N, C-alpha and C. Protein backbone atom coordinates (compact mmCIF):
# COMPACT_ATOMS: atom_id res chain seq x y z
N SER A 1 141.59 -145.91 -47.21
CA SER A 1 142.06 -146.03 -45.84
C SER A 1 143.27 -146.95 -45.79
N PHE A 2 144.15 -146.71 -44.82
CA PHE A 2 145.33 -147.53 -44.64
C PHE A 2 145.40 -147.99 -43.19
N ILE A 3 146.08 -149.11 -42.98
CA ILE A 3 146.27 -149.64 -41.63
C ILE A 3 147.70 -149.38 -41.21
N ALA A 4 147.86 -148.65 -40.12
CA ALA A 4 149.18 -148.41 -39.55
C ALA A 4 149.30 -149.25 -38.29
N SER A 5 150.40 -149.99 -38.18
CA SER A 5 150.52 -150.88 -37.03
C SER A 5 151.92 -150.83 -36.44
N ALA A 6 152.00 -151.18 -35.17
CA ALA A 6 153.26 -151.35 -34.46
C ALA A 6 153.09 -152.58 -33.59
N ARG A 7 154.01 -152.82 -32.64
CA ARG A 7 153.95 -154.03 -31.82
C ARG A 7 152.62 -154.15 -31.09
N ASN A 8 152.18 -153.08 -30.48
CA ASN A 8 150.95 -153.16 -29.69
C ASN A 8 149.95 -152.07 -30.07
N ARG A 9 150.05 -151.55 -31.30
CA ARG A 9 149.17 -150.45 -31.69
C ARG A 9 148.80 -150.59 -33.16
N THR A 10 147.52 -150.77 -33.43
CA THR A 10 147.04 -150.89 -34.80
C THR A 10 145.87 -149.93 -34.99
N SER A 11 145.91 -149.14 -36.07
CA SER A 11 144.85 -148.17 -36.33
C SER A 11 144.50 -148.16 -37.81
N VAL A 12 143.22 -147.94 -38.09
CA VAL A 12 142.77 -147.76 -39.47
C VAL A 12 142.68 -146.26 -39.71
N ILE A 13 143.44 -145.77 -40.66
CA ILE A 13 143.52 -144.33 -40.92
C ILE A 13 142.91 -144.01 -42.28
N SER A 14 141.94 -143.12 -42.30
CA SER A 14 141.36 -142.66 -43.55
C SER A 14 142.22 -141.54 -44.13
N THR A 15 142.50 -141.64 -45.42
CA THR A 15 143.29 -140.59 -46.08
C THR A 15 142.40 -139.66 -46.91
N ARG A 16 141.11 -139.78 -46.74
CA ARG A 16 140.19 -138.90 -47.46
C ARG A 16 140.16 -137.51 -46.81
N ALA A 17 139.76 -136.53 -47.58
CA ALA A 17 139.69 -135.16 -47.07
C ALA A 17 138.61 -135.06 -46.00
N ARG A 18 138.90 -134.31 -44.96
CA ARG A 18 137.94 -134.08 -43.88
C ARG A 18 137.78 -132.58 -43.66
N THR A 19 136.65 -132.22 -43.10
CA THR A 19 136.36 -130.80 -42.87
C THR A 19 136.21 -130.51 -41.39
N LEU A 20 136.94 -129.53 -40.93
CA LEU A 20 136.82 -129.06 -39.56
C LEU A 20 136.12 -127.71 -39.56
N ASN A 21 134.94 -127.66 -38.99
CA ASN A 21 134.22 -126.39 -38.84
C ASN A 21 134.48 -125.87 -37.43
N GLY A 22 135.36 -124.90 -37.34
CA GLY A 22 135.75 -124.39 -36.03
C GLY A 22 134.67 -123.57 -35.36
N GLU A 23 134.71 -123.55 -34.05
CA GLU A 23 133.77 -122.74 -33.28
C GLU A 23 134.16 -121.26 -33.36
N VAL A 24 133.19 -120.40 -33.09
CA VAL A 24 133.47 -118.96 -33.06
C VAL A 24 134.32 -118.65 -31.83
N LEU A 25 135.47 -118.04 -32.07
CA LEU A 25 136.39 -117.69 -31.00
C LEU A 25 136.37 -116.19 -30.75
N LYS A 26 136.57 -115.81 -29.51
CA LYS A 26 136.70 -114.39 -29.17
C LYS A 26 138.18 -114.11 -28.94
N VAL A 27 138.75 -113.26 -29.78
CA VAL A 27 140.18 -112.96 -29.71
C VAL A 27 140.38 -111.45 -29.86
N ASN A 28 141.60 -111.00 -29.67
CA ASN A 28 141.94 -109.60 -29.88
C ASN A 28 142.73 -109.46 -31.17
N ASP A 29 142.38 -108.47 -31.99
CA ASP A 29 143.13 -108.26 -33.22
C ASP A 29 144.42 -107.51 -32.91
N ARG A 30 145.13 -107.10 -33.93
CA ARG A 30 146.42 -106.45 -33.75
C ARG A 30 146.35 -105.20 -32.88
N MET A 31 145.23 -104.47 -32.98
CA MET A 31 145.07 -103.24 -32.23
C MET A 31 144.48 -103.46 -30.84
N GLY A 32 144.24 -104.73 -30.50
CA GLY A 32 143.71 -105.04 -29.18
C GLY A 32 142.20 -105.01 -29.09
N ASN A 33 141.53 -104.83 -30.22
CA ASN A 33 140.06 -104.81 -30.21
C ASN A 33 139.51 -106.23 -30.16
N PRO A 34 138.53 -106.49 -29.30
CA PRO A 34 137.93 -107.84 -29.24
C PRO A 34 137.07 -108.12 -30.47
N ILE A 35 137.34 -109.24 -31.11
CA ILE A 35 136.58 -109.63 -32.29
C ILE A 35 136.14 -111.09 -32.15
N GLU A 36 135.17 -111.47 -32.96
CA GLU A 36 134.73 -112.86 -33.03
C GLU A 36 135.13 -113.39 -34.40
N ILE A 37 135.69 -114.59 -34.41
CA ILE A 37 136.23 -115.14 -35.65
C ILE A 37 136.09 -116.66 -35.65
N ALA A 38 135.86 -117.23 -36.82
CA ALA A 38 135.75 -118.69 -36.96
C ALA A 38 136.34 -119.10 -38.30
N GLU A 39 136.66 -120.39 -38.42
CA GLU A 39 137.32 -120.90 -39.62
C GLU A 39 136.75 -122.24 -40.04
N VAL A 40 137.02 -122.60 -41.29
CA VAL A 40 136.78 -123.95 -41.77
C VAL A 40 138.10 -124.44 -42.38
N VAL A 41 138.47 -125.66 -42.04
CA VAL A 41 139.74 -126.23 -42.51
C VAL A 41 139.46 -127.57 -43.19
N VAL A 42 139.95 -127.73 -44.41
CA VAL A 42 139.86 -129.00 -45.11
C VAL A 42 141.24 -129.65 -45.05
N TRP A 43 141.31 -130.83 -44.44
CA TRP A 43 142.60 -131.47 -44.21
C TRP A 43 142.52 -132.96 -44.51
N ARG A 44 143.68 -133.58 -44.62
CA ARG A 44 143.75 -135.03 -44.86
C ARG A 44 145.05 -135.58 -44.29
N VAL A 45 145.06 -136.88 -44.03
CA VAL A 45 146.27 -137.56 -43.57
C VAL A 45 147.10 -137.94 -44.78
N ASP A 46 148.32 -137.45 -44.83
CA ASP A 46 149.24 -137.78 -45.92
C ASP A 46 150.22 -138.88 -45.52
N ASP A 47 150.64 -138.84 -44.27
CA ASP A 47 151.61 -139.82 -43.77
C ASP A 47 150.97 -140.53 -42.57
N THR A 48 150.46 -141.74 -42.81
CA THR A 48 149.73 -142.46 -41.76
C THR A 48 150.62 -142.82 -40.58
N ALA A 49 151.87 -143.11 -40.84
CA ALA A 49 152.78 -143.47 -39.75
C ALA A 49 152.97 -142.29 -38.80
N LYS A 50 153.20 -141.11 -39.35
CA LYS A 50 153.35 -139.93 -38.51
C LYS A 50 152.07 -139.64 -37.73
N ALA A 51 150.93 -139.78 -38.40
CA ALA A 51 149.65 -139.48 -37.76
C ALA A 51 149.41 -140.36 -36.55
N VAL A 52 149.85 -141.62 -36.63
CA VAL A 52 149.61 -142.56 -35.54
C VAL A 52 150.70 -142.51 -34.47
N PHE A 53 151.94 -142.44 -34.90
CA PHE A 53 153.04 -142.63 -33.96
C PHE A 53 153.71 -141.34 -33.46
N ASP A 54 153.56 -140.22 -34.19
CA ASP A 54 154.25 -139.00 -33.79
C ASP A 54 153.42 -138.09 -32.90
N VAL A 55 152.12 -138.34 -32.83
CA VAL A 55 151.24 -137.59 -31.92
C VAL A 55 150.30 -138.57 -31.23
N ASP A 56 149.81 -138.19 -30.06
CA ASP A 56 148.93 -139.09 -29.31
C ASP A 56 147.60 -139.31 -30.00
N ASP A 57 146.99 -138.22 -30.48
CA ASP A 57 145.68 -138.29 -31.12
C ASP A 57 145.66 -137.25 -32.23
N TYR A 58 145.82 -137.71 -33.47
CA TYR A 58 146.01 -136.74 -34.56
C TYR A 58 144.78 -135.87 -34.79
N GLU A 59 143.57 -136.38 -34.53
CA GLU A 59 142.37 -135.56 -34.72
C GLU A 59 142.31 -134.43 -33.69
N SER A 60 142.62 -134.76 -32.45
CA SER A 60 142.67 -133.73 -31.41
C SER A 60 143.79 -132.72 -31.71
N TYR A 61 144.88 -133.23 -32.27
CA TYR A 61 146.00 -132.36 -32.61
C TYR A 61 145.59 -131.37 -33.70
N VAL A 62 144.81 -131.84 -34.67
CA VAL A 62 144.31 -130.95 -35.73
C VAL A 62 143.43 -129.86 -35.12
N ASN A 63 142.51 -130.25 -34.25
CA ASN A 63 141.61 -129.28 -33.62
C ASN A 63 142.37 -128.22 -32.83
N MET A 64 143.33 -128.68 -32.03
CA MET A 64 144.11 -127.76 -31.21
C MET A 64 144.96 -126.83 -32.07
N THR A 65 145.60 -127.39 -33.08
CA THR A 65 146.46 -126.59 -33.96
C THR A 65 145.66 -125.57 -34.75
N ALA A 66 144.47 -125.96 -35.20
CA ALA A 66 143.61 -125.05 -35.96
C ALA A 66 143.22 -123.84 -35.12
N GLU A 67 142.84 -124.08 -33.87
CA GLU A 67 142.45 -122.97 -33.00
C GLU A 67 143.64 -122.06 -32.71
N THR A 68 144.80 -122.66 -32.44
CA THR A 68 146.00 -121.87 -32.14
C THR A 68 146.40 -121.01 -33.33
N ALA A 69 146.36 -121.60 -34.53
CA ALA A 69 146.74 -120.87 -35.73
C ALA A 69 145.79 -119.70 -36.00
N LEU A 70 144.50 -119.94 -35.81
CA LEU A 70 143.52 -118.88 -36.03
C LEU A 70 143.72 -117.73 -35.05
N ARG A 71 143.96 -118.06 -33.79
CA ARG A 71 144.20 -117.01 -32.80
C ARG A 71 145.44 -116.19 -33.16
N HIS A 72 146.47 -116.87 -33.63
CA HIS A 72 147.71 -116.17 -33.98
C HIS A 72 147.51 -115.25 -35.18
N VAL A 73 146.86 -115.78 -36.23
CA VAL A 73 146.63 -114.97 -37.44
C VAL A 73 145.78 -113.75 -37.11
N ALA A 74 144.74 -113.95 -36.29
CA ALA A 74 143.87 -112.83 -35.92
C ALA A 74 144.62 -111.76 -35.15
N SER A 75 145.63 -112.16 -34.40
CA SER A 75 146.35 -111.21 -33.54
C SER A 75 147.38 -110.38 -34.28
N ILE A 76 147.77 -110.78 -35.50
CA ILE A 76 148.82 -110.05 -36.21
C ILE A 76 148.27 -109.12 -37.29
N TYR A 77 146.94 -109.11 -37.46
CA TYR A 77 146.32 -108.21 -38.44
C TYR A 77 145.24 -107.37 -37.75
N SER A 78 145.04 -106.16 -38.25
CA SER A 78 143.95 -105.32 -37.76
C SER A 78 142.64 -105.78 -38.41
N TYR A 79 141.54 -105.53 -37.71
CA TYR A 79 140.23 -105.89 -38.26
C TYR A 79 139.96 -105.10 -39.53
N ASP A 80 140.26 -103.81 -39.51
CA ASP A 80 139.98 -102.96 -40.66
C ASP A 80 141.02 -101.85 -40.74
N HIS A 81 141.08 -101.17 -41.89
CA HIS A 81 142.07 -100.12 -42.08
C HIS A 81 141.89 -98.97 -41.10
N MET A 82 140.67 -98.66 -40.74
CA MET A 82 140.42 -97.49 -39.91
C MET A 82 140.96 -97.66 -38.49
N GLU A 83 141.25 -98.90 -38.09
CA GLU A 83 141.75 -99.13 -36.74
C GLU A 83 143.16 -98.60 -36.55
N ASP A 84 143.98 -98.72 -37.60
CA ASP A 84 145.38 -98.36 -37.48
C ASP A 84 145.69 -97.26 -38.47
N GLU A 85 145.71 -96.02 -38.00
CA GLU A 85 145.91 -94.89 -38.90
C GLU A 85 147.33 -94.84 -39.45
N SER A 86 148.25 -95.60 -38.86
CA SER A 86 149.62 -95.61 -39.35
C SER A 86 149.77 -96.48 -40.58
N GLU A 87 148.78 -97.33 -40.84
CA GLU A 87 148.86 -98.24 -41.98
C GLU A 87 148.34 -97.57 -43.24
N SER A 88 148.89 -97.97 -44.37
CA SER A 88 148.39 -97.47 -45.64
C SER A 88 147.17 -98.27 -46.04
N SER A 89 146.47 -97.77 -47.06
CA SER A 89 145.26 -98.45 -47.51
C SER A 89 145.57 -99.79 -48.15
N SER A 90 146.86 -100.04 -48.45
CA SER A 90 147.24 -101.30 -49.07
C SER A 90 147.59 -102.37 -48.03
N ALA A 91 147.58 -102.02 -46.76
CA ALA A 91 147.92 -102.98 -45.71
C ALA A 91 146.86 -104.08 -45.64
N ILE A 92 147.30 -105.27 -45.31
CA ILE A 92 146.38 -106.41 -45.21
C ILE A 92 145.58 -106.32 -43.92
N THR A 93 144.27 -106.47 -44.02
CA THR A 93 143.41 -106.49 -42.84
C THR A 93 142.49 -107.71 -42.91
N LEU A 94 141.97 -108.10 -41.76
CA LEU A 94 141.11 -109.28 -41.69
C LEU A 94 139.86 -109.10 -42.53
N ARG A 95 139.30 -107.92 -42.54
CA ARG A 95 138.03 -107.68 -43.21
C ARG A 95 138.17 -107.48 -44.71
N SER A 96 139.25 -106.82 -45.12
CA SER A 96 139.37 -106.43 -46.53
C SER A 96 140.16 -107.39 -47.40
N ASN A 97 140.94 -108.27 -46.79
CA ASN A 97 141.83 -109.13 -47.58
C ASN A 97 141.59 -110.60 -47.25
N ILE A 98 140.42 -111.09 -47.63
CA ILE A 98 140.03 -112.46 -47.30
C ILE A 98 140.99 -113.48 -47.89
N GLU A 99 141.37 -113.31 -49.15
CA GLU A 99 142.25 -114.29 -49.80
C GLU A 99 143.62 -114.34 -49.12
N GLU A 100 144.18 -113.18 -48.83
CA GLU A 100 145.50 -113.13 -48.20
C GLU A 100 145.46 -113.73 -46.79
N ILE A 101 144.40 -113.45 -46.06
CA ILE A 101 144.26 -114.01 -44.72
C ILE A 101 144.11 -115.53 -44.80
N SER A 102 143.35 -116.01 -45.77
CA SER A 102 143.17 -117.45 -45.94
C SER A 102 144.50 -118.13 -46.25
N GLU A 103 145.30 -117.50 -47.10
CA GLU A 103 146.61 -118.07 -47.44
C GLU A 103 147.53 -118.09 -46.23
N ALA A 104 147.50 -117.03 -45.44
CA ALA A 104 148.33 -116.98 -44.23
C ALA A 104 147.92 -118.06 -43.24
N LEU A 105 146.61 -118.25 -43.10
CA LEU A 105 146.10 -119.28 -42.18
C LEU A 105 146.48 -120.67 -42.67
N LYS A 106 146.31 -120.91 -43.97
CA LYS A 106 146.65 -122.22 -44.54
C LYS A 106 148.14 -122.52 -44.38
N ALA A 107 148.98 -121.50 -44.61
CA ALA A 107 150.43 -121.70 -44.51
C ALA A 107 150.84 -122.07 -43.09
N GLU A 108 150.26 -121.38 -42.11
CA GLU A 108 150.60 -121.68 -40.71
C GLU A 108 150.12 -123.06 -40.31
N LEU A 109 148.91 -123.41 -40.73
CA LEU A 109 148.38 -124.75 -40.43
C LEU A 109 149.23 -125.83 -41.08
N SER A 110 149.58 -125.64 -42.33
CA SER A 110 150.38 -126.64 -43.05
C SER A 110 151.72 -126.87 -42.36
N ARG A 111 152.33 -125.78 -41.94
CA ARG A 111 153.63 -125.87 -41.27
C ARG A 111 153.53 -126.62 -39.94
N ASN A 112 152.51 -126.32 -39.17
CA ASN A 112 152.38 -126.92 -37.84
C ASN A 112 151.82 -128.34 -37.85
N LEU A 113 151.04 -128.67 -38.88
CA LEU A 113 150.44 -130.01 -38.94
C LEU A 113 151.31 -131.02 -39.67
N SER A 114 152.32 -130.54 -40.37
CA SER A 114 153.17 -131.46 -41.14
C SER A 114 153.88 -132.48 -40.24
N VAL A 115 154.15 -132.10 -38.98
CA VAL A 115 154.83 -133.01 -38.06
C VAL A 115 153.96 -134.22 -37.73
N ALA A 116 152.65 -134.09 -37.94
CA ALA A 116 151.73 -135.19 -37.66
C ALA A 116 151.28 -135.88 -38.95
N GLY A 117 151.96 -135.58 -40.06
CA GLY A 117 151.61 -136.21 -41.32
C GLY A 117 150.31 -135.70 -41.92
N ILE A 118 149.91 -134.49 -41.55
CA ILE A 118 148.65 -133.91 -42.01
C ILE A 118 148.92 -132.82 -43.05
N SER A 119 148.17 -132.83 -44.15
CA SER A 119 148.26 -131.75 -45.13
C SER A 119 146.95 -130.96 -45.12
N VAL A 120 147.03 -129.70 -45.50
CA VAL A 120 145.87 -128.81 -45.49
C VAL A 120 145.51 -128.45 -46.93
N ASP A 121 144.29 -128.81 -47.34
CA ASP A 121 143.83 -128.48 -48.69
C ASP A 121 143.30 -127.05 -48.77
N ASP A 122 142.65 -126.60 -47.72
CA ASP A 122 142.07 -125.26 -47.74
C ASP A 122 141.81 -124.79 -46.31
N ALA A 123 141.82 -123.50 -46.12
CA ALA A 123 141.51 -122.90 -44.82
C ALA A 123 140.95 -121.51 -45.06
N ARG A 124 139.78 -121.25 -44.51
CA ARG A 124 139.12 -119.96 -44.75
C ARG A 124 138.36 -119.51 -43.51
N LEU A 125 138.13 -118.19 -43.46
CA LEU A 125 137.31 -117.64 -42.39
C LEU A 125 135.84 -117.84 -42.73
N THR A 126 135.06 -118.23 -41.74
CA THR A 126 133.62 -118.39 -41.95
C THR A 126 132.82 -117.35 -41.16
N HIS A 127 133.48 -116.67 -40.25
CA HIS A 127 132.79 -115.65 -39.44
C HIS A 127 133.80 -114.61 -39.01
N LEU A 128 133.40 -113.35 -39.09
CA LEU A 128 134.26 -112.26 -38.64
C LEU A 128 133.39 -111.07 -38.26
N SER A 129 133.52 -110.64 -37.02
CA SER A 129 132.75 -109.48 -36.57
C SER A 129 133.39 -108.92 -35.31
N TYR A 130 133.05 -107.68 -35.00
CA TYR A 130 133.46 -107.14 -33.71
C TYR A 130 132.66 -107.83 -32.62
N SER A 131 133.25 -107.94 -31.44
CA SER A 131 132.52 -108.50 -30.30
C SER A 131 131.36 -107.58 -29.95
N PRO A 132 130.27 -108.13 -29.42
CA PRO A 132 129.07 -107.33 -29.14
C PRO A 132 129.33 -106.09 -28.30
N GLU A 133 130.27 -106.17 -27.35
CA GLU A 133 130.48 -105.04 -26.45
C GLU A 133 131.04 -103.80 -27.14
N ILE A 134 131.66 -103.96 -28.32
CA ILE A 134 132.19 -102.79 -29.02
C ILE A 134 131.57 -102.62 -30.41
N ALA A 135 130.68 -103.51 -30.79
CA ALA A 135 130.12 -103.48 -32.15
C ALA A 135 129.43 -102.16 -32.47
N GLN A 136 128.60 -101.66 -31.55
CA GLN A 136 127.88 -100.41 -31.80
C GLN A 136 128.82 -99.22 -31.89
N ALA A 137 129.83 -99.21 -31.03
CA ALA A 137 130.79 -98.11 -31.05
C ALA A 137 131.57 -98.10 -32.36
N MET A 138 131.97 -99.27 -32.83
CA MET A 138 132.73 -99.36 -34.08
C MET A 138 131.84 -99.02 -35.27
N LEU A 139 130.56 -99.37 -35.20
CA LEU A 139 129.63 -99.01 -36.28
C LEU A 139 129.50 -97.49 -36.37
N ARG A 140 129.39 -96.83 -35.22
CA ARG A 140 129.30 -95.37 -35.23
C ARG A 140 130.58 -94.75 -35.79
N ARG A 141 131.70 -95.38 -35.47
CA ARG A 141 132.97 -94.87 -35.99
C ARG A 141 133.03 -95.04 -37.50
N GLN A 142 132.59 -96.18 -38.00
CA GLN A 142 132.56 -96.40 -39.44
C GLN A 142 131.67 -95.38 -40.14
N GLN A 143 130.52 -95.10 -39.54
CA GLN A 143 129.61 -94.12 -40.12
C GLN A 143 130.24 -92.73 -40.14
N ALA A 144 130.95 -92.39 -39.06
CA ALA A 144 131.63 -91.10 -39.00
C ALA A 144 132.72 -91.00 -40.06
N GLU A 145 133.47 -92.10 -40.23
CA GLU A 145 134.51 -92.13 -41.26
C GLU A 145 133.91 -91.93 -42.64
N ALA A 146 132.75 -92.56 -42.88
CA ALA A 146 132.09 -92.44 -44.19
C ALA A 146 131.63 -91.01 -44.43
N ILE A 147 131.10 -90.36 -43.39
CA ILE A 147 130.64 -88.97 -43.53
C ILE A 147 131.82 -88.05 -43.82
N ILE A 148 132.92 -88.25 -43.10
CA ILE A 148 134.11 -87.43 -43.31
C ILE A 148 134.64 -87.60 -44.73
N ALA A 149 134.68 -88.85 -45.20
CA ALA A 149 135.17 -89.12 -46.56
C ALA A 149 134.27 -88.46 -47.60
N ALA A 150 132.96 -88.51 -47.37
CA ALA A 150 132.01 -87.90 -48.31
C ALA A 150 132.18 -86.39 -48.35
N ARG A 151 132.33 -85.78 -47.17
CA ARG A 151 132.50 -84.33 -47.11
C ARG A 151 133.81 -83.90 -47.76
N LYS A 152 134.83 -84.72 -47.61
CA LYS A 152 136.11 -84.41 -48.24
C LYS A 152 135.96 -84.39 -49.75
N LYS A 153 135.23 -85.35 -50.30
CA LYS A 153 134.99 -85.38 -51.74
C LYS A 153 134.21 -84.15 -52.19
N ILE A 154 133.21 -83.76 -51.39
CA ILE A 154 132.40 -82.59 -51.73
C ILE A 154 133.26 -81.33 -51.77
N VAL A 155 134.12 -81.17 -50.76
CA VAL A 155 134.98 -79.99 -50.70
C VAL A 155 135.96 -79.98 -51.86
N GLU A 156 136.57 -81.14 -52.16
CA GLU A 156 137.51 -81.21 -53.28
C GLU A 156 136.83 -80.83 -54.58
N GLY A 157 135.61 -81.34 -54.77
CA GLY A 157 134.87 -81.02 -55.99
C GLY A 157 134.49 -79.55 -56.04
N ALA A 158 134.10 -78.99 -54.89
CA ALA A 158 133.71 -77.58 -54.84
C ALA A 158 134.89 -76.67 -55.15
N VAL A 159 136.05 -76.98 -54.59
CA VAL A 159 137.25 -76.18 -54.85
C VAL A 159 137.56 -76.17 -56.34
N SER A 160 137.47 -77.33 -56.96
CA SER A 160 137.74 -77.44 -58.40
C SER A 160 136.75 -76.62 -59.21
N MET A 161 135.47 -76.66 -58.82
CA MET A 161 134.44 -75.91 -59.54
C MET A 161 134.60 -74.40 -59.36
N VAL A 162 134.96 -73.97 -58.15
CA VAL A 162 135.18 -72.54 -57.90
C VAL A 162 136.36 -72.04 -58.73
N GLU A 163 137.43 -72.80 -58.73
CA GLU A 163 138.61 -72.42 -59.50
C GLU A 163 138.26 -72.30 -60.98
N MET A 164 137.52 -73.27 -61.49
CA MET A 164 137.13 -73.27 -62.89
C MET A 164 136.22 -72.08 -63.20
N ALA A 165 135.27 -71.79 -62.29
CA ALA A 165 134.33 -70.68 -62.52
C ALA A 165 135.05 -69.34 -62.56
N LEU A 166 135.96 -69.12 -61.62
CA LEU A 166 136.68 -67.86 -61.58
C LEU A 166 137.55 -67.67 -62.81
N LYS A 167 138.21 -68.74 -63.23
CA LYS A 167 139.06 -68.65 -64.42
C LYS A 167 138.22 -68.35 -65.66
N GLN A 168 137.07 -69.01 -65.76
CA GLN A 168 136.22 -68.83 -66.93
C GLN A 168 135.64 -67.41 -66.98
N LEU A 169 135.21 -66.90 -65.83
CA LEU A 169 134.67 -65.54 -65.78
C LEU A 169 135.73 -64.51 -66.15
N SER A 170 136.93 -64.70 -65.66
CA SER A 170 138.02 -63.77 -65.98
C SER A 170 138.42 -63.87 -67.44
N LYS A 171 138.49 -65.10 -67.93
CA LYS A 171 138.90 -65.33 -69.32
C LYS A 171 137.93 -64.71 -70.30
N ASN A 172 136.65 -64.82 -70.01
CA ASN A 172 135.63 -64.30 -70.92
C ASN A 172 135.35 -62.82 -70.71
N GLY A 173 136.03 -62.23 -69.74
CA GLY A 173 135.84 -60.81 -69.49
C GLY A 173 134.50 -60.46 -68.90
N VAL A 174 133.84 -61.43 -68.30
CA VAL A 174 132.52 -61.18 -67.71
C VAL A 174 132.65 -60.28 -66.48
N VAL A 175 133.64 -60.57 -65.66
CA VAL A 175 133.87 -59.79 -64.44
C VAL A 175 135.37 -59.57 -64.30
N ASP A 176 135.74 -58.37 -63.89
CA ASP A 176 137.14 -58.07 -63.64
C ASP A 176 137.38 -58.18 -62.14
N PHE A 177 138.02 -59.28 -61.74
CA PHE A 177 138.21 -59.54 -60.31
C PHE A 177 139.56 -59.02 -59.82
N ASP A 178 139.53 -58.31 -58.69
CA ASP A 178 140.78 -58.11 -57.96
C ASP A 178 140.84 -59.20 -56.89
N ASP A 179 141.90 -59.23 -56.11
CA ASP A 179 142.08 -60.32 -55.14
C ASP A 179 140.97 -60.37 -54.11
N ASP A 180 140.53 -59.20 -53.63
CA ASP A 180 139.48 -59.17 -52.61
C ASP A 180 138.17 -59.71 -53.15
N ARG A 181 137.83 -59.32 -54.37
CA ARG A 181 136.56 -59.77 -54.96
C ARG A 181 136.62 -61.26 -55.29
N LYS A 182 137.80 -61.73 -55.69
CA LYS A 182 137.97 -63.17 -55.91
C LYS A 182 137.72 -63.94 -54.62
N ALA A 183 138.26 -63.42 -53.52
CA ALA A 183 138.10 -64.10 -52.23
C ALA A 183 136.63 -64.16 -51.82
N VAL A 184 135.91 -63.04 -52.03
CA VAL A 184 134.49 -63.01 -51.67
C VAL A 184 133.69 -63.96 -52.54
N MET A 185 133.96 -63.91 -53.85
CA MET A 185 133.25 -64.80 -54.77
C MET A 185 133.53 -66.26 -54.45
N ALA A 186 134.79 -66.59 -54.18
CA ALA A 186 135.15 -67.96 -53.85
C ALA A 186 134.45 -68.41 -52.58
N SER A 187 134.41 -67.53 -51.58
CA SER A 187 133.74 -67.86 -50.32
C SER A 187 132.26 -68.12 -50.53
N ASN A 188 131.60 -67.26 -51.31
CA ASN A 188 130.17 -67.43 -51.58
C ASN A 188 129.89 -68.73 -52.33
N LEU A 189 130.72 -69.01 -53.33
CA LEU A 189 130.53 -70.24 -54.11
C LEU A 189 130.74 -71.48 -53.25
N MET A 190 131.73 -71.43 -52.36
CA MET A 190 131.99 -72.58 -51.50
C MET A 190 130.81 -72.83 -50.56
N VAL A 191 130.21 -71.76 -50.05
CA VAL A 191 129.05 -71.90 -49.18
C VAL A 191 127.90 -72.56 -49.93
N VAL A 192 127.69 -72.11 -51.16
CA VAL A 192 126.60 -72.66 -51.97
C VAL A 192 126.85 -74.12 -52.31
N LEU A 193 128.07 -74.43 -52.73
CA LEU A 193 128.38 -75.79 -53.19
C LEU A 193 128.48 -76.80 -52.05
N CYS A 194 128.93 -76.35 -50.88
CA CYS A 194 129.13 -77.28 -49.76
C CYS A 194 127.99 -77.28 -48.76
N GLY A 195 127.09 -76.31 -48.86
CA GLY A 195 126.00 -76.23 -47.90
C GLY A 195 125.01 -77.36 -48.07
N GLU A 196 124.38 -77.76 -46.96
CA GLU A 196 123.42 -78.85 -46.99
C GLU A 196 122.01 -78.38 -47.36
N SER A 197 121.72 -77.09 -47.12
CA SER A 197 120.40 -76.55 -47.46
C SER A 197 120.46 -75.88 -48.82
N GLU A 198 119.30 -75.68 -49.42
CA GLU A 198 119.24 -75.05 -50.73
C GLU A 198 119.67 -73.59 -50.61
N ALA A 199 120.42 -73.16 -51.63
CA ALA A 199 120.88 -71.77 -51.63
C ALA A 199 119.72 -70.83 -51.95
N GLN A 200 119.66 -69.69 -51.24
CA GLN A 200 118.64 -68.67 -51.49
C GLN A 200 119.26 -67.57 -52.34
N PRO A 201 118.71 -67.33 -53.52
CA PRO A 201 119.29 -66.30 -54.39
C PRO A 201 119.15 -64.91 -53.78
N VAL A 202 120.23 -64.13 -53.85
CA VAL A 202 120.23 -62.76 -53.35
C VAL A 202 120.70 -61.85 -54.47
N LEU A 203 119.93 -60.83 -54.77
CA LEU A 203 120.29 -59.89 -55.82
C LEU A 203 121.19 -58.82 -55.23
N ASN A 204 122.44 -58.79 -55.68
CA ASN A 204 123.40 -57.80 -55.19
C ASN A 204 123.43 -56.63 -56.17
N THR A 205 122.94 -55.46 -55.72
CA THR A 205 122.88 -54.30 -56.61
C THR A 205 124.05 -53.36 -56.42
N GLY A 206 124.89 -53.68 -55.47
CA GLY A 206 126.03 -52.82 -55.20
C GLY A 206 127.32 -53.55 -55.40
N SER A 207 128.26 -53.28 -54.52
CA SER A 207 129.57 -53.91 -54.60
C SER A 207 129.47 -55.39 -54.27
N LEU A 208 130.33 -56.15 -54.88
CA LEU A 208 130.40 -57.58 -54.59
C LEU A 208 130.82 -57.81 -53.15
N GLN A 209 131.51 -56.80 -52.55
CA GLN A 209 131.93 -56.91 -51.18
C GLN A 209 130.81 -56.53 -50.23
């Protein structure tokens, strides 16, 4: 600890690291969706003179600056990739890029607190979720996105298997396909491979068409 003094002002300032556990805030992310977010900030006094004389109450200043910085960081990023379809999968989001968000938060805090002689050792999110009023709707959307992604994979795999099957049958001379028969065979295989129920075998004794 150090003692900072002036003509009529004397304060004992601790230079040890301190931890600020921020309250859960309700803010809007980049897309305007209401979210709940909280932070933890590890900070210390580096310049005791600035801490005492350049701000009225450096501890209150830390609290106020931490909340302001968190609100700002939350507002410039989307909660998740699915919120902003214009963004690529490499775009930084609050949910998927914890390290990058922490660095952005720490940088903003360091910049704004330096005027009060405060340095920031670490800053991280401790809570992140959609606000209760939209949580269920967003969960359903996430589930729908997952189903669509899974079906896309199934279709891609089925197309590849159909293509391989037709090529192999033609190559081995098992069946001589014209374009119409290829189309019918491909359609039947796609139904079997992509269908959710078990395929029922049907013995075709006539034309493939």
